[in-house]
Amino acid sequence: MKNLLDAIGSFFVYTSPEPFDGYARFLRGLSSKKLRELAGTPSHYSKTILINMIVDEMKDNAKVQNEIA
């Protein structure tokens, strides 16, 4: 009985998104031109690759700031 209640209750449990997931979702709505500017590249890449470049750079900067602090 407990397993059944746990299974039903698991649908109502909030799980937090991973860090930077919300920002990556926001970036999806921007134009490719704006994403290229934010990524700092003049090359043509798909939106997914540009978003990954931006988020990876942000993660690296956050890691460096945490090491300094």
Protein backbone atom coordinates (compact mmCIF):
# COMPACT_ATOMS: atom_id res chain seq x y z
CA MET A 1 0.00 0.00 0.00
CA LYS A 2 2.85 2.37 0.85
CA ASN A 3 4.50 1.78 -2.55
CA LEU A 4 1.25 2.60 -4.31
CA LEU A 5 0.88 5.87 -2.40
CA ASP A 6 4.53 6.77 -3.04
CA ALA A 7 4.07 6.13 -6.76
CA ILE A 8 0.98 8.34 -6.90
CA GLY A 9 2.60 11.06 -4.78
CA SER A 10 5.71 11.19 -6.96
CA PHE A 11 3.67 12.92 -9.70
CA PHE A 12 3.10 15.88 -7.37
CA VAL A 13 6.71 16.40 -6.24
CA TYR A 14 8.46 19.44 -7.66
CA THR A 15 11.96 18.85 -8.99
CA SER A 16 14.15 21.88 -9.52
CA PRO A 17 15.63 22.40 -12.98
CA GLU A 18 19.36 22.09 -13.45
CA PRO A 19 21.34 25.33 -13.19
CA PHE A 20 21.27 27.40 -16.40
CA ASP A 21 18.39 25.33 -17.89
CA GLY A 22 16.00 28.26 -17.58
CA TYR A 23 18.45 30.61 -19.24
CA ALA A 24 19.06 28.12 -22.06
CA ARG A 25 15.30 27.92 -22.60
CA PHE A 26 15.17 31.74 -22.73
CA LEU A 27 17.99 31.82 -25.28
CA ARG A 28 16.01 29.49 -27.56
CA GLY A 29 13.66 32.38 -28.37
CA LEU A 30 16.42 34.71 -29.55
CA SER A 31 17.48 35.06 -33.16
CA SER A 32 20.57 33.30 -34.45
CA LYS A 33 22.20 36.67 -35.09
CA LYS A 34 21.77 37.70 -31.45
CA LEU A 35 23.03 34.29 -30.27
CA ARG A 36 26.16 34.67 -32.44
CA GLU A 37 26.80 38.06 -30.78
CA LEU A 38 26.38 36.57 -27.30
CA ALA A 39 28.61 33.60 -28.14
CA GLY A 40 31.24 35.93 -29.59
CA THR A 41 31.57 34.13 -32.91
CA PRO A 42 30.95 35.34 -36.47
CA SER A 43 30.56 31.74 -37.71
CA HIS A 44 27.23 30.19 -38.59
CA TYR A 45 26.23 27.43 -36.19
CA SER A 46 22.87 25.91 -35.31
CA LYS A 47 20.95 27.49 -32.45
CA THR A 48 21.59 24.46 -30.26
CA ILE A 49 25.35 24.71 -30.66
CA LEU A 50 25.33 28.48 -30.07
CA ILE A 51 23.24 28.04 -26.91
CA ASN A 52 25.59 25.31 -25.69
CA MET A 53 28.58 27.60 -26.32
CA ILE A 54 26.98 30.42 -24.31
CA VAL A 55 25.91 28.18 -21.41
CA ASP A 56 29.30 26.41 -21.29
CA GLU A 57 31.05 29.77 -21.10
CA MET A 58 28.73 30.84 -18.28
CA LYS A 59 29.41 27.59 -16.39
CA ASP A 60 33.16 28.06 -16.79
CA ASN A 61 32.92 31.64 -15.50
CA ALA A 62 30.83 30.52 -12.52
CA LYS A 63 33.34 27.78 -11.71
CA VAL A 64 36.24 30.25 -11.81
CA GLN A 65 34.37 32.69 -9.55
CA ASN A 66 33.64 29.91 -7.05
CA GLU A 67 37.32 28.94 -6.98
CA ILE A 68 38.35 32.54 -6.33
CA ALA A 69 35.85 33.00 -3.49
